[in-house]
Amino acid sequence: MTAADDTSRPGPPQALERLIGFVNTNEPQISQDLLRDPEQTRSWLVAEGFEVGKLNRDDWAAIISFREGVRAAAAANNGYDLDTDAVTALRGAIDRLGFTIRATADANLEVTATTPAGRTLASLVGALMTAQADGSWARVKACARDSCRWLFYDTTRNHSRTWCTSTTCGSREKAKRAYRRQLQKSGKPDPSSISSAQ
């Protein structure tokens, strides 16, 4: 999933697009995670141009918690309740990775970190903070399809997009709703509610 449905408006700033790409290293609906362990995570980061040293399991766990915390925040931008467990894990990851803010020689603020793994992700944290400050973060959403949760940048004028693509997740969700309406009209029970009740 990479295509945006609405290309009439500009997409995200490059730094924010990089953050979205980082979160989308995990694609839950097809059980594909490009950051399955410290070695794969390091390889992916290097391939994407991040400066990264050796990662231990604690570094890796913090990186994954950061990624999934950002996904939870993006889901909240799409109307979902904030996942408090993911936020708690995000807080722990931020502490573990040692992020700090410092002033540069030209008086700009930048994110840095006290740990090597944190320094690797500092630019992503900076992109997140900038997006929150300039309002573009509200356009970053996790797909409304529960099995997907792919991050996308909502380019619609009224911020109304809910699915990563209308042709895939949107079509499937609309078809599922139509099927449920037909079942209700016919008086037949919804098979998904029967199997989840057992």
Protein backbone atom coordinates (compact mmCIF):
# COMPACT_ATOMS: atom_id res chain seq x y z
CA MET A 1 0.00 0.00 0.00
CA THR A 2 1.65 3.16 -1.13
CA ALA A 3 -0.78 4.97 -3.37
CA ALA A 4 -2.74 7.90 -2.01
CA ASP A 5 -6.34 8.28 -3.11
CA ASP A 6 -6.28 12.06 -3.42
CA THR A 7 -3.30 13.54 -5.22
CA SER A 8 -4.86 16.97 -5.79
CA ARG A 9 -3.35 18.46 -2.64
CA PRO A 10 0.26 18.40 -1.54
CA GLY A 11 1.46 15.45 0.51
CA PRO A 12 3.36 15.53 3.77
CA PRO A 13 6.67 17.30 4.25
CA GLN A 14 9.61 14.97 3.53
CA ALA A 15 10.54 14.52 7.19
CA LEU A 16 6.96 13.57 8.06
CA GLU A 17 6.82 11.19 5.09
CA ARG A 18 9.94 9.52 6.48
CA LEU A 19 8.21 9.07 9.86
CA ILE A 20 5.16 7.55 8.14
CA GLY A 21 7.45 5.18 6.22
CA PHE A 22 9.13 4.15 9.46
CA VAL A 23 5.79 3.30 11.13
CA ASN A 24 4.67 1.43 8.02
CA THR A 25 7.57 -1.01 8.40
CA ASN A 26 4.96 -3.07 10.22
CA GLU A 27 2.00 -4.09 8.08
CA PRO A 28 -0.31 -5.97 10.50
CA GLN A 29 -2.87 -7.24 7.98
CA ILE A 30 -0.27 -9.33 6.16
CA SER A 31 1.91 -10.01 9.22
CA GLN A 32 4.92 -8.35 7.64
CA ASP A 33 7.28 -6.55 10.00
CA LEU A 34 10.54 -5.32 8.52
CA LEU A 35 11.92 -4.68 12.03
CA ARG A 36 11.57 -8.20 13.50
CA ASP A 37 14.79 -8.14 15.51
CA PRO A 38 17.75 -5.84 16.24
CA GLU A 39 19.71 -6.98 13.17
CA GLN A 40 16.84 -6.49 10.72
CA THR A 41 16.05 -3.15 12.33
CA ARG A 42 19.64 -1.98 11.97
CA SER A 43 19.73 -3.13 8.33
CA TRP A 44 16.52 -1.30 7.50
CA LEU A 45 17.68 1.89 9.23
CA VAL A 46 21.02 1.83 7.40
CA ALA A 47 19.29 1.19 4.05
CA GLU A 48 17.04 4.21 4.69
CA GLY A 49 20.01 6.49 5.39
CA PHE A 50 19.90 6.61 9.19
CA GLU A 51 23.21 6.62 11.04
CA VAL A 52 23.01 3.70 13.43
CA GLY A 53 25.44 1.63 15.44
CA LYS A 54 24.87 -1.74 17.03
CA LEU A 55 21.41 -2.23 18.55
CA ASN A 56 20.80 -4.43 21.56
CA ARG A 57 17.43 -6.02 22.39
CA ASP A 58 16.47 -3.18 24.76
CA ASP A 59 17.22 -0.58 22.04
CA TRP A 60 15.18 -2.60 19.56
CA ALA A 61 12.24 -2.96 21.98
CA ALA A 62 12.27 0.81 22.57
CA ILE A 63 12.33 1.48 18.81
CA ILE A 64 9.33 -0.82 18.30
CA SER A 65 7.45 0.81 21.20
CA PHE A 66 8.16 4.23 19.67
CA ARG A 67 6.86 3.04 16.29
CA GLU A 68 3.65 1.54 17.69
CA GLY A 69 3.07 4.56 19.95
CA VAL A 70 3.17 6.81 16.90
CA ARG A 71 0.72 4.44 15.14
CA ALA A 72 -1.64 4.68 18.14
CA ALA A 73 -1.47 8.49 18.04
CA ALA A 74 -2.26 8.42 14.30
CA ALA A 75 -5.24 6.13 14.97
CA ALA A 76 -6.52 8.72 17.43
CA ASN A 77 -6.33 11.25 14.56
CA ASN A 78 -8.83 9.01 12.74
CA GLY A 79 -11.36 8.99 15.56
CA TYR A 80 -10.21 5.98 17.57
CA ASP A 81 -9.79 6.06 21.34
CA LEU A 82 -6.18 6.61 22.31
CA ASP A 83 -4.50 3.30 23.16
CA THR A 84 -3.27 4.08 26.68
CA ASP A 85 -1.01 1.02 26.76
CA ALA A 86 0.73 2.19 23.57
CA VAL A 87 1.12 5.69 25.03
CA THR A 88 2.63 4.24 28.20
CA ALA A 89 5.04 2.17 26.09
CA LEU A 90 5.83 5.28 24.03
CA ARG A 91 6.72 7.19 27.20
CA GLY A 92 8.99 4.34 28.28
CA ALA A 93 10.63 4.25 24.84
CA ILE A 94 11.27 8.00 24.92
CA ASP A 95 12.89 7.63 28.35
CA ARG A 96 14.94 4.61 27.20
CA LEU A 97 16.10 6.34 24.01
CA GLY A 98 16.99 9.49 25.94
CA PHE A 99 15.54 12.19 23.69
CA THR A 100 16.39 15.79 24.55
CA ILE A 101 15.93 19.21 22.94
CA ARG A 102 18.91 21.49 22.39
CA ALA A 103 19.56 24.84 20.77
CA THR A 104 21.83 24.86 17.73
CA ALA A 105 24.47 27.54 17.08
CA ASP A 106 21.93 29.51 15.02
CA ALA A 107 19.35 29.35 17.84
CA ASN A 108 17.13 26.69 16.24
CA LEU A 109 15.84 23.89 18.40
CA GLU A 110 16.60 20.29 17.46
CA VAL A 111 15.96 16.88 18.95
CA THR A 112 18.96 14.87 20.00
CA ALA A 113 19.41 11.95 22.36
CA THR A 114 21.72 10.65 25.03
CA THR A 115 21.80 7.12 23.55
CA PRO A 116 23.07 5.94 20.15
CA ALA A 117 19.70 4.34 19.31
CA GLY A 118 17.93 7.55 20.30
CA ARG A 119 20.23 9.65 18.12
CA THR A 120 19.27 7.37 15.23
CA LEU A 121 15.57 8.24 15.64
CA ALA A 122 16.00 11.87 16.71
CA SER A 123 15.07 13.19 13.26
CA LEU A 124 11.79 11.23 13.39
CA VAL A 125 10.94 12.70 16.79
CA GLY A 126 11.79 16.14 15.41
CA ALA A 127 9.46 15.52 12.45
CA LEU A 128 6.67 14.47 14.81
CA MET A 129 7.11 17.54 17.01
CA THR A 130 7.24 19.87 13.99
CA ALA A 131 4.09 18.28 12.55
CA GLN A 132 2.29 18.68 15.87
CA ALA A 133 3.37 22.33 16.06
CA ASP A 134 2.39 23.23 12.48
CA GLY A 135 -0.88 21.25 12.47
CA SER A 136 0.09 18.76 9.76
CA TRP A 137 0.09 15.93 12.32
CA ALA A 138 -3.74 15.99 12.35
CA ARG A 139 -3.58 14.76 8.73
CA VAL A 140 -1.53 11.68 9.63
CA LYS A 141 -3.97 8.86 10.26
CA ALA A 142 -3.97 5.11 10.72
CA CYS A 143 -6.34 3.31 8.35
CA ALA A 144 -9.80 2.78 9.85
CA ARG A 145 -9.78 -0.89 8.88
CA ASP A 146 -8.92 -2.72 12.10
CA SER A 147 -6.75 -5.32 10.39
CA CYS A 148 -4.76 -2.70 8.47
CA ARG A 149 -3.75 0.38 10.51
CA TRP A 150 -1.42 1.55 7.68
CA LEU A 151 -0.42 5.20 8.17
CA PHE A 152 -1.32 7.70 5.48
CA TYR A 153 -1.40 11.45 5.01
CA ASP A 154 -4.94 12.76 4.51
CA THR A 155 -4.82 15.23 1.63
CA THR A 156 -8.57 15.87 1.52
CA ARG A 157 -9.65 19.47 2.01
CA ASN A 158 -11.90 18.62 4.99
CA HIS A 159 -9.69 15.93 6.59
CA SER A 160 -12.36 13.29 5.93
CA ARG A 161 -10.33 10.39 4.54
CA THR A 162 -10.51 7.31 6.76
CA TRP A 163 -8.88 4.46 4.80
CA CYS A 164 -5.39 4.09 3.41
CA THR A 165 -6.96 3.42 -0.01
CA SER A 166 -10.61 3.50 -0.96
CA THR A 167 -10.04 0.78 -3.54
CA THR A 168 -8.75 -1.77 -1.03
CA CYS A 169 -9.65 -1.18 2.60
CA GLY A 170 -12.48 1.24 1.82
CA SER A 171 -14.12 -1.18 -0.61
CA ARG A 172 -13.81 -4.09 1.80
CA GLU A 173 -15.30 -2.13 4.69
CA LYS A 174 -18.17 -0.83 2.55
CA ALA A 175 -18.91 -4.35 1.29
CA LYS A 176 -18.87 -5.69 4.86
CA ARG A 177 -21.33 -3.00 5.98
CA ALA A 178 -23.62 -3.67 3.02
CA TYR A 179 -23.56 -7.40 3.79
CA ARG A 180 -24.51 -6.73 7.42
CA ARG A 181 -27.39 -4.47 6.32
CA GLN A 182 -28.68 -7.23 4.02
CA LEU A 183 -28.51 -9.73 6.87
CA GLN A 184 -30.44 -7.37 9.13
CA LYS A 185 -33.15 -6.87 6.50
CA SER A 186 -33.49 -10.62 5.99
CA GLY A 187 -33.53 -11.32 9.75
CA LYS A 188 -30.53 -13.65 9.55
CA PRO A 189 -27.85 -13.47 12.26
CA ASP A 190 -24.45 -12.01 11.39
CA PRO A 191 -21.99 -14.95 11.23
CA SER A 192 -19.16 -12.79 12.61
CA SER A 193 -21.15 -12.00 15.77
CA ILE A 194 -21.96 -15.68 16.30
CA SER A 195 -18.33 -16.81 16.05
CA SER A 196 -17.08 -14.01 18.31
CA ALA A 197 -19.71 -14.83 20.96
CA GLN A 198 -18.61 -18.46 21.21
